[in-house]
C-alpha atoms as a PDB file:
ATOM      1  CA  MET A   1      57.698 -30.224 -52.751  1.00  0.00           C
ATOM      2  CA  PHE A   2      55.163 -32.716 -51.415  1.00  0.00           C
ATOM      3  CA  LYS A   3      55.908 -31.610 -47.839  1.00  0.00           C
ATOM      4  CA  LEU A   4      55.491 -27.954 -48.807  1.00  0.00           C
ATOM      5  CA  LEU A   5      52.081 -28.629 -50.362  1.00  0.00           C
ATOM      6  CA  LYS A   6      51.091 -30.611 -47.274  1.00  0.00           C
ATOM      7  CA  TYR A   7      51.959 -27.705 -44.950  1.00  0.00           C
ATOM      8  CA  VAL A   8      50.208 -25.196 -47.219  1.00  0.00           C
ATOM      9  CA  SER A   9      47.079 -27.390 -47.205  1.00  0.00           C
ATOM     10  CA  ILE A  10      47.110 -27.681 -43.429  1.00  0.00           C
ATOM     11  CA  PHE A  11      47.550 -23.901 -43.130  1.00  0.00           C
ATOM     12  CA  LEU A  12      44.616 -23.246 -45.449  1.00  0.00           C
ATOM     13  CA  VAL A  13      42.369 -25.675 -43.550  1.00  0.00           C
ATOM     14  CA  ILE A  14      43.236 -24.022 -40.212  1.00  0.00           C
ATOM     15  CA  ALA A  15      42.697 -20.555 -41.681  1.00  0.00           C
ATOM     16  CA  CYS A  16      39.307 -21.571 -43.040  1.00  0.00           C
ATOM     17  CA  LEU A  17      38.279 -23.057 -39.688  1.00  0.00           C
ATOM     18  CA  LEU A  18      39.346 -19.898 -37.843  1.00  0.00           C
ATOM     19  CA  PHE A  19      37.445 -17.732 -40.310  1.00  0.00           C
ATOM     20  CA  ALA A  20      34.350 -19.911 -39.983  1.00  0.00           C
ATOM     21  CA  CYS A  21      34.489 -19.780 -36.189  1.00  0.00           C
ATOM     22  CA  HIS A  22      34.810 -16.009 -36.286  1.00  0.00           C
ATOM     23  CA  ALA A  23      32.027 -15.624 -38.827  1.00  0.00           C
ATOM     24  CA  TRP A  24      29.602 -17.712 -36.791  1.00  0.00           C
ATOM     25  CA  ALA A  25      30.562 -16.323 -33.377  1.00  0.00           C
ATOM     26  CA  PRO A  26      27.682 -14.386 -31.787  1.00  0.00           C
ATOM     27  CA  THR A  27      28.045 -10.635 -32.170  1.00  0.00           C
ATOM     28  CA  GLU A  28      27.840  -8.730 -28.884  1.00  0.00           C
ATOM     29  CA  PHE A  29      25.603  -5.696 -29.161  1.00  0.00           C
ATOM     30  CA  LYS A  30      25.921  -3.033 -26.488  1.00  0.00           C
ATOM     31  CA  ARG A  31      22.543  -2.225 -24.978  1.00  0.00           C
ATOM     32  CA  PRO A  32      21.516   1.409 -25.420  1.00  0.00           C
ATOM     33  CA  PRO A  33      21.334   3.489 -22.239  1.00  0.00           C
ATOM     34  CA  LEU A  34      18.075   3.646 -20.374  1.00  0.00           C
ATOM     35  CA  LYS A  35      16.644   7.084 -21.140  1.00  0.00           C
ATOM     36  CA  VAL A  36      14.976   8.437 -18.007  1.00  0.00           C
ATOM     37  CA  GLU A  37      13.521  11.935 -17.672  1.00  0.00           C
ATOM     38  CA  PHE A  38      13.374  13.748 -14.345  1.00  0.00           C
ATOM     39  CA  ALA A  39      12.125  17.170 -13.231  1.00  0.00           C
ATOM     40  CA  SER A  40      12.927  19.858 -10.711  1.00  0.00           C
ATOM     41  CA  PHE A  41      11.677  18.399  -7.412  1.00  0.00           C
ATOM     42  CA  VAL A  42      14.448  17.811  -4.885  1.00  0.00           C
ATOM     43  CA  GLY A  43      13.314  14.222  -4.277  1.00  0.00           C
ATOM     44  CA  GLU A  44      14.323  13.406  -7.850  1.00  0.00           C
ATOM     45  CA  TYR A  45      17.911  14.600  -7.425  1.00  0.00           C
ATOM     46  CA  PRO A  46      19.407  11.275  -6.220  1.00  0.00           C
ATOM     47  CA  GLY A  47      19.469  10.377  -9.909  1.00  0.00           C
ATOM     48  CA  ILE A  48      22.086  13.073 -10.464  1.00  0.00           C
ATOM     49  CA  ILE A  49      24.244  11.747  -7.640  1.00  0.00           C
ATOM     50  CA  THR A  50      23.880   8.200  -8.978  1.00  0.00           C
ATOM     51  CA  GLN A  51      25.085   9.372 -12.371  1.00  0.00           C
ATOM     52  CA  GLU A  52      27.936  11.565 -11.161  1.00  0.00           C
ATOM     53  CA  LYS A  53      29.235   9.021  -8.617  1.00  0.00           C
ATOM     54  CA  GLY A  54      29.079   6.219 -11.166  1.00  0.00           C
ATOM     55  CA  PHE A  55      26.597   4.143  -9.162  1.00  0.00           C
ATOM     56  CA  PHE A  56      24.544   3.206 -12.244  1.00  0.00           C
ATOM     57  CA  LYS A  57      27.594   1.919 -14.114  1.00  0.00           C
ATOM     58  CA  ALA A  58      28.869   0.112 -11.005  1.00  0.00           C
ATOM     59  CA  GLN A  59      25.531  -1.710 -10.862  1.00  0.00           C
ATOM     60  CA  GLY A  60      25.885  -2.677 -14.519  1.00  0.00           C
ATOM     61  CA  VAL A  61      23.555  -0.337 -16.377  1.00  0.00           C
ATOM     62  CA  ASP A  62      24.120   2.641 -18.634  1.00  0.00           C
ATOM     63  CA  VAL A  63      21.643   5.472 -18.001  1.00  0.00           C
ATOM     64  CA  GLU A  64      20.972   8.731 -19.797  1.00  0.00           C
ATOM     65  CA  LEU A  65      19.208  11.158 -17.457  1.00  0.00           C
ATOM     66  CA  ILE A  66      17.303  13.976 -19.139  1.00  0.00           C
ATOM     67  CA  TYR A  67      16.431  17.017 -17.029  1.00  0.00           C
ATOM     68  CA  LYS A  68      13.272  18.926 -17.972  1.00  0.00           C
ATOM     69  CA  ARG A  69      11.254  21.530 -16.088  1.00  0.00           C
ATOM     70  CA  HIS A  70       7.836  21.275 -17.756  1.00  0.00           C
ATOM     71  CA  THR A  71       6.526  17.952 -16.523  1.00  0.00           C
ATOM     72  CA  GLN A  72       3.219  17.746 -18.408  1.00  0.00           C
ATOM     73  CA  LEU A  73       4.904  18.102 -21.808  1.00  0.00           C
ATOM     74  CA  GLU A  74       7.443  15.452 -20.864  1.00  0.00           C
ATOM     75  CA  GLN A  75       4.752  13.009 -19.800  1.00  0.00           C
ATOM     76  CA  ALA A  76       3.334  13.306 -23.315  1.00  0.00           C
ATOM     77  CA  ASN A  77       6.809  12.635 -24.730  1.00  0.00           C
ATOM     78  CA  PHE A  78       7.119   9.596 -22.471  1.00  0.00           C
ATOM     79  CA  SER A  79       3.784   8.268 -23.710  1.00  0.00           C
ATOM     80  CA  ALA A  80       5.032   8.770 -27.277  1.00  0.00           C
ATOM     81  CA  GLY A  81       8.059   6.549 -26.533  1.00  0.00           C
ATOM     82  CA  LYS A  82      10.693   9.267 -26.346  1.00  0.00           C
ATOM     83  CA  TYR A  83      11.857   8.020 -22.922  1.00  0.00           C
ATOM     84  CA  ASP A  84      12.106   4.570 -21.353  1.00  0.00           C
ATOM     85  CA  GLY A  85      11.274   5.865 -17.885  1.00  0.00           C
ATOM     86  CA  ILE A  86      10.170   9.019 -16.143  1.00  0.00           C
ATOM     87  CA  THR A  87       9.787  10.342 -12.605  1.00  0.00           C
ATOM     88  CA  SER A  88       6.216  11.103 -11.655  1.00  0.00           C
ATOM     89  CA  SER A  89       4.036  11.855  -8.687  1.00  0.00           C
ATOM     90  CA  LEU A  90       1.653   9.036  -7.829  1.00  0.00           C
ATOM     91  CA  GLY A  91      -1.343  11.147  -8.842  1.00  0.00           C
ATOM     92  CA  SER A  92       0.120  12.120 -12.213  1.00  0.00           C
ATOM     93  CA  PHE A  93       1.049   8.481 -12.808  1.00  0.00           C
ATOM     94  CA  LEU A  94      -2.588   7.414 -12.393  1.00  0.00           C
ATOM     95  CA  ILE A  95      -3.785  10.132 -14.766  1.00  0.00           C
ATOM     96  CA  LEU A  96      -1.184   9.017 -17.302  1.00  0.00           C
ATOM     97  CA  SER A  97      -2.192   5.369 -16.941  1.00  0.00           C
ATOM     98  CA  ALA A  98      -5.764   6.189 -17.980  1.00  0.00           C
ATOM     99  CA  THR A  99      -4.589   6.778 -21.546  1.00  0.00           C
ATOM    100  CA  ASN A 100      -1.396   4.724 -21.418  1.00  0.00           C
ATOM    101  CA  PRO A 101      -1.988   1.536 -19.404  1.00  0.00           C
ATOM    102  CA  ASP A 102       1.257  -0.101 -20.587  1.00  0.00           C
ATOM    103  CA  ILE A 103       3.369   1.518 -17.875  1.00  0.00           C
ATOM    104  CA  GLN A 104       4.351   0.419 -14.382  1.00  0.00           C
ATOM    105  CA  GLY A 105       5.734   2.037 -11.246  1.00  0.00           C
ATOM    106  CA  VAL A 106       8.814   0.191  -9.993  1.00  0.00           C
ATOM    107  CA  ILE A 107      10.088   2.290  -7.077  1.00  0.00           C
ATOM    108  CA  ILE A 108       8.878   5.048  -4.747  1.00  0.00           C
ATOM    109  CA  ILE A 109      11.687   7.581  -4.538  1.00  0.00           C
ATOM    110  CA  ASP A 110      10.360  10.043  -1.979  1.00  0.00           C
ATOM    111  CA  GLU A 111       7.523  11.231   0.184  1.00  0.00           C
ATOM    112  CA  SER A 112       6.805  14.917   0.608  1.00  0.00           C
ATOM    113  CA  ILE A 113       6.540  15.739   4.316  1.00  0.00           C
ATOM    114  CA  GLY A 114       6.508  19.522   4.042  1.00  0.00           C
ATOM    115  CA  ALA A 115       8.319  20.239   0.782  1.00  0.00           C
ATOM    116  CA  ASP A 116       4.991  20.769  -1.014  1.00  0.00           C
ATOM    117  CA  ALA A 117       3.049  23.779   0.142  1.00  0.00           C
ATOM    118  CA  VAL A 118       0.372  26.279  -0.718  1.00  0.00           C
ATOM    119  CA  VAL A 119       1.895  29.744  -0.495  1.00  0.00           C
ATOM    120  CA  ALA A 120      -0.252  32.832  -0.307  1.00  0.00           C
ATOM    121  CA  GLN A 121      -0.222  36.599  -0.434  1.00  0.00           C
ATOM    122  CA  SER A 122       0.022  38.350   2.915  1.00  0.00           C
ATOM    123  CA  GLN A 123      -3.695  39.118   3.204  1.00  0.00           C
ATOM    124  CA  ILE A 124      -4.568  35.407   3.084  1.00  0.00           C
ATOM    125  CA  LYS A 125      -4.058  34.382   6.720  1.00  0.00           C
ATOM    126  CA  THR A 126      -6.005  31.115   6.858  1.00  0.00           C
ATOM    127  CA  VAL A 127      -7.348  28.480   4.473  1.00  0.00           C
ATOM    128  CA  ALA A 128     -10.837  29.888   5.076  1.00  0.00           C
ATOM    129  CA  ASP A 129      -9.639  33.214   3.607  1.00  0.00           C
ATOM    130  CA  LEU A 130      -9.310  31.483   0.221  1.00  0.00           C
ATOM    131  CA  LYS A 131     -13.071  31.525  -0.298  1.00  0.00           C
ATOM    132  CA  GLY A 132     -13.795  33.349  -3.543  1.00  0.00           C
ATOM    133  CA  LYS A 133     -10.071  33.746  -4.292  1.00  0.00           C
ATOM    134  CA  LYS A 134      -7.930  32.451  -7.171  1.00  0.00           C
ATOM    135  CA  LEU A 135      -5.927  29.356  -6.229  1.00  0.00           C
ATOM    136  CA  GLY A 136      -3.197  28.099  -8.542  1.00  0.00           C
ATOM    137  CA  ALA A 137      -2.638  24.357  -8.936  1.00  0.00           C
ATOM    138  CA  ASN A 138      -1.570  21.887 -11.579  1.00  0.00           C
ATOM    139  CA  LEU A 139      -5.078  20.675 -12.329  1.00  0.00           C
ATOM    140  CA  GLY A 140      -5.780  17.106 -13.269  1.00  0.00           C
ATOM    141  CA  GLY A 141      -2.992  15.632 -11.131  1.00  0.00           C
ATOM    142  CA  PHE A 142      -1.807  15.207  -7.558  1.00  0.00           C
ATOM    143  CA  SER A 143      -1.725  18.990  -7.122  1.00  0.00           C
ATOM    144  CA  GLU A 144      -5.492  19.216  -7.440  1.00  0.00           C
ATOM    145  CA  VAL A 145      -5.957  16.427  -4.880  1.00  0.00           C
ATOM    146  CA  PHE A 146      -3.567  18.171  -2.490  1.00  0.00           C
ATOM    147  CA  VAL A 147      -5.355  21.536  -2.600  1.00  0.00           C
ATOM    148  CA  THR A 148      -8.719  19.770  -2.298  1.00  0.00           C
ATOM    149  CA  GLU A 149      -7.523  18.062   0.890  1.00  0.00           C
ATOM    150  CA  MET A 150      -6.357  21.461   2.150  1.00  0.00           C
ATOM    151  CA  LEU A 151      -9.745  23.075   1.442  1.00  0.00           C
ATOM    152  CA  LYS A 152     -11.490  20.319   3.406  1.00  0.00           C
ATOM    153  CA  THR A 153      -9.719  21.499   6.579  1.00  0.00           C
ATOM    154  CA  ALA A 154     -11.755  24.734   6.368  1.00  0.00           C
ATOM    155  CA  ASN A 155     -14.956  22.972   5.232  1.00  0.00           C
ATOM    156  CA  LEU A 156     -14.463  24.348   1.715  1.00  0.00           C
ATOM    157  CA  THR A 157     -14.594  22.610  -1.655  1.00  0.00           C
ATOM    158  CA  SER A 158     -13.112  23.501  -5.013  1.00  0.00           C
ATOM    159  CA  ASP A 159     -16.429  25.182  -5.830  1.00  0.00           C
ATOM    160  CA  ASP A 160     -15.666  27.782  -3.141  1.00  0.00           C
ATOM    161  CA  VAL A 161     -12.498  28.986  -4.909  1.00  0.00           C
ATOM    162  CA  ASN A 162     -11.434  29.776  -8.450  1.00  0.00           C
ATOM    163  CA  LEU A 163      -8.908  27.126  -9.446  1.00  0.00           C
ATOM    164  CA  VAL A 164      -6.332  28.403 -11.931  1.00  0.00           C
ATOM    165  CA  LYS A 165      -4.230  25.908 -13.868  1.00  0.00           C
ATOM    166  CA  SER A 166      -0.585  26.625 -12.948  1.00  0.00           C
ATOM    167  CA  GLU A 167       2.679  24.698 -12.826  1.00  0.00           C
ATOM    168  CA  ALA A 168       4.821  24.912  -9.699  1.00  0.00           C
ATOM    169  CA  LEU A 169       7.459  27.132 -11.337  1.00  0.00           C
ATOM    170  CA  GLU A 170       4.770  29.654 -12.391  1.00  0.00           C
ATOM    171  CA  ILE A 171       3.247  30.217  -8.943  1.00  0.00           C
ATOM    172  CA  LEU A 172       5.635  32.912  -7.736  1.00  0.00           C
ATOM    173  CA  GLN A 173       5.241  35.104 -10.826  1.00  0.00           C
ATOM    174  CA  ARG A 174       1.458  34.728 -10.766  1.00  0.00           C
ATOM    175  CA  LEU A 175       1.352  35.743  -7.114  1.00  0.00           C
ATOM    176  CA  LYS A 176       3.414  38.825  -7.956  1.00  0.00           C
ATOM    177  CA  ASN A 177       1.063  39.723 -10.807  1.00  0.00           C
ATOM    178  CA  ASN A 178      -2.005  39.090  -8.617  1.00  0.00           C
ATOM    179  CA  ALA A 179      -3.197  36.548 -11.184  1.00  0.00           C
ATOM    180  CA  ILE A 180      -3.705  34.258  -8.183  1.00  0.00           C
ATOM    181  CA  GLN A 181      -3.820  34.905  -4.450  1.00  0.00           C
ATOM    182  CA  ALA A 182      -2.406  31.521  -3.431  1.00  0.00           C
ATOM    183  CA  GLY A 183      -0.894  28.512  -5.164  1.00  0.00           C
ATOM    184  CA  HIS A 184       0.630  25.068  -4.753  1.00  0.00           C
ATOM    185  CA  THR A 185       4.367  24.795  -5.370  1.00  0.00           C
ATOM    186  CA  TRP A 186       7.342  22.818  -4.116  1.00  0.00           C
ATOM    187  CA  GLN A 187      11.063  23.004  -3.569  1.00  0.00           C
ATOM    188  CA  PRO A 188      13.132  24.734  -4.840  1.00  0.00           C
ATOM    189  CA  HIS A 189      10.409  27.213  -5.953  1.00  0.00           C
ATOM    190  CA  LEU A 190       8.952  27.203  -2.433  1.00  0.00           C
ATOM    191  CA  SER A 191      12.115  28.649  -0.846  1.00  0.00           C
ATOM    192  CA  GLU A 192      12.230  31.364  -3.496  1.00  0.00           C
ATOM    193  CA  ALA A 193       8.615  32.345  -2.818  1.00  0.00           C
ATOM    194  CA  ILE A 194       9.270  32.614   0.926  1.00  0.00           C
ATOM    195  CA  LYS A 195      12.353  34.778   0.344  1.00  0.00           C
ATOM    196  CA  LEU A 196      10.245  37.187  -1.668  1.00  0.00           C
ATOM    197  CA  GLY A 197       7.647  37.648   1.034  1.00  0.00           C
ATOM    198  CA  GLU A 198       4.962  35.064   0.346  1.00  0.00           C
ATOM    199  CA  HIS A 199       3.979  32.929   3.307  1.00  0.00           C
ATOM    200  CA  ILE A 200       3.146  29.262   3.785  1.00  0.00           C
ATOM    201  CA  LEU A 201      -0.549  28.531   4.260  1.00  0.00           C
ATOM    202  CA  PHE A 202      -0.553  24.718   4.225  1.00  0.00           C
ATOM    203  CA  THR A 203       2.061  21.975   3.701  1.00  0.00           C
ATOM    204  CA  SER A 204       2.254  18.276   2.889  1.00  0.00           C
ATOM    205  CA  LYS A 205       3.251  17.690   6.512  1.00  0.00           C
ATOM    206  CA  GLN A 206      -0.493  17.958   7.118  1.00  0.00           C
ATOM    207  CA  THR A 207      -1.304  15.243   4.548  1.00  0.00           C
ATOM    208  CA  PRO A 208       1.010  12.342   5.504  1.00  0.00           C
ATOM    209  CA  GLY A 209       1.442   9.683   2.834  1.00  0.00           C
ATOM    210  CA  LEU A 210      -0.501  11.623   0.192  1.00  0.00           C
ATOM    211  CA  ILE A 211       2.321  12.951  -1.993  1.00  0.00           C
ATOM    212  CA  LEU A 212       4.662  10.251  -3.225  1.00  0.00           C
ATOM    213  CA  ASP A 213       6.984  10.318  -6.224  1.00  0.00           C
ATOM    214  CA  MET A 214       7.815   7.264  -8.288  1.00  0.00           C
ATOM    215  CA  ILE A 215       9.823   6.116 -11.241  1.00  0.00           C
ATOM    216  CA  ILE A 216       7.758   4.490 -13.943  1.00  0.00           C
ATOM    217  CA  PHE A 217       8.883   2.568 -17.007  1.00  0.00           C
ATOM    218  CA  ARG A 218       7.185   1.453 -20.176  1.00  0.00           C
ATOM    219  CA  SER A 219       6.060  -2.174 -20.008  1.00  0.00           C
ATOM    220  CA  ASP A 220       8.102  -3.185 -23.049  1.00  0.00           C
ATOM    221  CA  ILE A 221      11.297  -1.965 -21.359  1.00  0.00           C
ATOM    222  CA  ILE A 222      10.359  -3.849 -18.175  1.00  0.00           C
ATOM    223  CA  ARG A 223       9.749  -6.989 -20.216  1.00  0.00           C
ATOM    224  CA  ASP A 224      12.864  -6.768 -22.378  1.00  0.00           C
ATOM    225  CA  ARG A 225      15.395  -5.320 -19.921  1.00  0.00           C
ATOM    226  CA  PRO A 226      14.503  -6.503 -16.399  1.00  0.00           C
ATOM    227  CA  GLU A 227      18.128  -6.745 -15.230  1.00  0.00           C
ATOM    228  CA  ASP A 228      18.777  -3.169 -16.343  1.00  0.00           C
ATOM    229  CA  ILE A 229      15.711  -1.985 -14.404  1.00  0.00           C
ATOM    230  CA  ARG A 230      16.889  -3.901 -11.334  1.00  0.00           C
ATOM    231  CA  ALA A 231      20.358  -2.339 -11.636  1.00  0.00           C
ATOM    232  CA  PHE A 232      18.764   1.095 -12.053  1.00  0.00           C
ATOM    233  CA  VAL A 233      16.761   0.672  -8.842  1.00  0.00           C
ATOM    234  CA  ARG A 234      19.836  -0.505  -6.917  1.00  0.00           C
ATOM    235  CA  GLY A 235      21.856   2.471  -8.147  1.00  0.00           C
ATOM    236  CA  TRP A 236      19.119   4.977  -7.266  1.00  0.00           C
ATOM    237  CA  LEU A 237      18.687   3.601  -3.747  1.00  0.00           C
ATOM    238  CA  GLN A 238      22.463   3.643  -3.272  1.00  0.00           C
ATOM    239  CA  ALA A 239      22.504   7.352  -4.138  1.00  0.00           C
ATOM    240  CA  SER A 240      19.635   8.140  -1.749  1.00  0.00           C
ATOM    241  CA  THR A 241      21.548   6.512   1.086  1.00  0.00           C
ATOM    242  CA  TYR A 242      24.752   8.281   0.076  1.00  0.00           C
ATOM    243  CA  TRP A 243      23.132  11.725  -0.060  1.00  0.00           C
ATOM    244  CA  LYS A 244      21.552  11.368   3.386  1.00  0.00           C
ATOM    245  CA  ALA A 245      24.973  10.448   4.794  1.00  0.00           C
ATOM    246  CA  ASN A 246      26.909  13.100   2.814  1.00  0.00           C
ATOM    247  CA  VAL A 247      24.551  16.059   2.534  1.00  0.00           C
ATOM    248  CA  GLN A 248      27.087  18.781   1.695  1.00  0.00           C
ATOM    249  CA  GLU A 249      28.877  16.732  -0.945  1.00  0.00           C
ATOM    250  CA  GLY A 250      25.564  15.620  -2.437  1.00  0.00           C
ATOM    251  CA  ASN A 251      24.364  19.221  -2.601  1.00  0.00           C
ATOM    252  CA  ALA A 252      27.597  20.263  -4.311  1.00  0.00           C
ATOM    253  CA  ILE A 253      27.232  17.520  -6.940  1.00  0.00           C
ATOM    254  CA  ILE A 254      23.650  18.584  -7.715  1.00  0.00           C
ATOM    255  CA  SER A 255      24.563  22.279  -7.718  1.00  0.00           C
ATOM    256  CA  LYS A 256      27.286  21.722 -10.293  1.00  0.00           C
ATOM    257  CA  ALA A 257      25.204  19.438 -12.507  1.00  0.00           C
ATOM    258  CA  LEU A 258      22.109  21.673 -12.612  1.00  0.00           C
ATOM    259  CA  LYS A 259      23.972  24.993 -12.322  1.00  0.00           C
ATOM    260  CA  ILE A 260      21.889  26.099  -9.354  1.00  0.00           C
ATOM    261  CA  PRO A 261      23.141  27.622  -6.060  1.00  0.00           C
ATOM    262  CA  SER A 262      24.020  24.978  -3.486  1.00  0.00           C
ATOM    263  CA  ASN A 263      22.171  26.888  -0.753  1.00  0.00           C
ATOM    264  CA  THR A 264      18.876  26.433  -2.634  1.00  0.00           C
ATOM    265  CA  ILE A 265      19.121  22.621  -2.313  1.00  0.00           C
ATOM    266  CA  SER A 266      17.633  21.136   0.835  1.00  0.00           C
ATOM    267  CA  LEU A 267      16.143  17.821   1.889  1.00  0.00           C
ATOM    268  CA  GLU A 268      14.010  19.578   4.488  1.00  0.00           C
ATOM    269  CA  GLY A 269      10.450  18.386   4.099  1.00  0.00           C
ATOM    270  CA  VAL A 270      11.467  15.454   1.889  1.00  0.00           C
ATOM    271  CA  LYS A 271      11.808  11.835   2.939  1.00  0.00           C
ATOM    272  CA  LEU A 272      13.961   9.800   0.552  1.00  0.00           C
ATOM    273  CA  THR A 273      12.517   6.293   0.767  1.00  0.00           C
ATOM    274  CA  ASP A 274      14.893   3.367   1.224  1.00  0.00           C
ATOM    275  CA  LEU A 275      14.551  -0.277   0.177  1.00  0.00           C
ATOM    276  CA  GLY A 276      12.749  -1.420   3.327  1.00  0.00           C
ATOM    277  CA  GLU A 277      10.233   1.421   3.154  1.00  0.00           C
ATOM    278  CA  ASN A 278       9.591   0.643  -0.504  1.00  0.00           C
ATOM    279  CA  GLN A 279       8.953  -3.016   0.224  1.00  0.00           C
ATOM    280  CA  LYS A 280       6.408  -2.082   2.905  1.00  0.00           C
ATOM    281  CA  LEU A 281       4.656   0.511   0.733  1.00  0.00           C
ATOM    282  CA  PHE A 282       4.307  -1.998  -2.124  1.00  0.00           C
ATOM    283  CA  GLN A 283       2.582  -4.549   0.139  1.00  0.00           C
ATOM    284  CA  SER A 284      -1.149  -4.398  -0.531  1.00  0.00           C
ATOM    285  CA  SER A 285      -1.849  -5.721   2.992  1.00  0.00           C
ATOM    286  CA  ASN A 286      -0.082  -2.730   4.550  1.00  0.00           C
ATOM    287  CA  PRO A 287      -2.682  -0.182   5.764  1.00  0.00           C
ATOM    288  CA  ASN A 288      -0.387   2.592   4.478  1.00  0.00           C
ATOM    289  CA  SER A 289       0.318   0.880   1.166  1.00  0.00           C
ATOM    290  CA  ILE A 290       0.615   2.655  -2.143  1.00  0.00           C
ATOM    291  CA  TYR A 291      -2.553   0.878  -3.266  1.00  0.00           C
ATOM    292  CA  LYS A 292      -4.599   2.659  -0.600  1.00  0.00           C
ATOM    293  CA  THR A 293      -3.228   6.076  -1.577  1.00  0.00           C
ATOM    294  CA  ALA A 294      -3.646   5.292  -5.284  1.00  0.00           C
ATOM    295  CA  LYS A 295      -7.318   4.493  -4.689  1.00  0.00           C
ATOM    296  CA  ILE A 296      -7.795   7.936  -3.094  1.00  0.00           C
ATOM    297  CA  TYR A 297      -6.408   9.533  -6.248  1.00  0.00           C
ATOM    298  CA  GLY A 298      -8.263   7.227  -8.614  1.00  0.00           C
ATOM    299  CA  ASP A 299     -11.629   7.820  -6.960  1.00  0.00           C
ATOM    300  CA  PHE A 300     -11.032  11.583  -6.974  1.00  0.00           C
ATOM    301  CA  PHE A 301     -10.068  11.710 -10.653  1.00  0.00           C
ATOM    302  CA  ILE A 302     -13.073   9.653 -11.725  1.00  0.00           C
ATOM    303  CA  ARG A 303     -15.434  11.656  -9.521  1.00  0.00           C
ATOM    304  CA  SER A 304     -14.111  14.959 -10.860  1.00  0.00           C
ATOM    305  CA  GLY A 305     -14.312  13.774 -14.469  1.00  0.00           C
ATOM    306  CA  ASN A 306     -10.565  13.976 -15.143  1.00  0.00           C
ATOM    307  CA  VAL A 307     -10.666  10.367 -16.338  1.00  0.00           C
ATOM    308  CA  THR A 308     -13.429   7.863 -17.070  1.00  0.00           C
ATOM    309  CA  ARG A 309     -11.551   4.820 -15.782  1.00  0.00           C
ATOM    310  CA  ILE A 310      -8.211   3.779 -14.315  1.00  0.00           C
ATOM    311  CA  PRO A 311      -6.558   0.406 -14.950  1.00  0.00           C
ATOM    312  CA  GLU A 312      -6.612  -2.271 -12.249  1.00  0.00           C
ATOM    313  CA  LEU A 313      -4.164  -0.994  -9.620  1.00  0.00           C
ATOM    314  CA  LYS A 314      -2.421  -4.369  -9.312  1.00  0.00           C
ATOM    315  CA  SER A 315      -1.335  -4.056 -12.934  1.00  0.00           C
ATOM    316  CA  LEU A 316       0.238  -0.628 -12.388  1.00  0.00           C
ATOM    317  CA  PHE A 317       2.753  -1.463  -9.658  1.00  0.00           C
ATOM    318  CA  ASN A 318       5.666  -3.861 -10.051  1.00  0.00           C
ATOM    319  CA  SER A 319       7.554  -4.606  -6.843  1.00  0.00           C
ATOM    320  CA  SER A 320       9.719  -7.373  -8.326  1.00  0.00           C
ATOM    321  CA  PHE A 321      12.701  -5.029  -8.776  1.00  0.00           C
ATOM    322  CA  LEU A 322      12.825  -4.371  -5.041  1.00  0.00           C
ATOM    323  CA  ASN A 323      13.734  -7.984  -4.377  1.00  0.00           C
ATOM    324  CA  PRO A 324      17.428  -8.601  -5.072  1.00  0.00           C
ATOM    325  CA  ALA A 325      16.792 -12.326  -5.157  1.00  0.00           C
ATOM    326  CA  SER A 326      14.355 -12.063  -8.097  1.00  0.00           C
END
């Protein structure tokens, strides 16, 4: 009987110790996916390939990509905290930072080298022909800077035309309705406009380095989840490299995911930036750095009254996630 009680006591002690160890063991919480919104420009499509090929997960991060077409509304949702990150043109990023300084750009995903264009009705043969005409552009962002640079080539200013606020996806319909005579759009809307008889008046090939797209994150996400951001950047760059090497397969993946015809997807006019190019662009000493281009935008927006001030540029760009050794 004594031996039985002894064994029972030992069993109870062990059971209690096991229970205590379990109770005090740290609970592992799964991090929620990074919620990143992207839009309809072809330079943003590597995100789809990254997701479908499992590159994000292979790098150790769970990502929820949200596809939206109306970028201005989604920037407001981003500012309200609905997303952790968002794709944005450099110009739109600076506008956004004027009212939401707690955001940072972590990677440049592409440069437009012809994929952005001003398309026009047939009677508009040259930029000079735009004088007195209605010109559609997404005012208050990079689009306005782009068309202003175009007008300079014919010694015109925005005062010489009637600027009409228009998103890229609206340009074709407004040209058809004669609500505008020319307008700034980009792929895939650009190809559609050309198919329907509009012609290209001016492209981003004529403004090298001006139109860059980035991925920006809220500062609290950067602070709290730096390894996830680093993994995100690695996965995105892996997909860019993969797509350039496997164009047809990449196009098929995007076509299926977005339910758009594969023949409407083209990297023509778009330069997907790799790691080395990013590292150079983020160097302030580089004469072609992102800081130089950002200053062009910032000065324009302040001069035109779109914003009253822009945060210190050094605070808006975070290159630490481009260094794998960080």
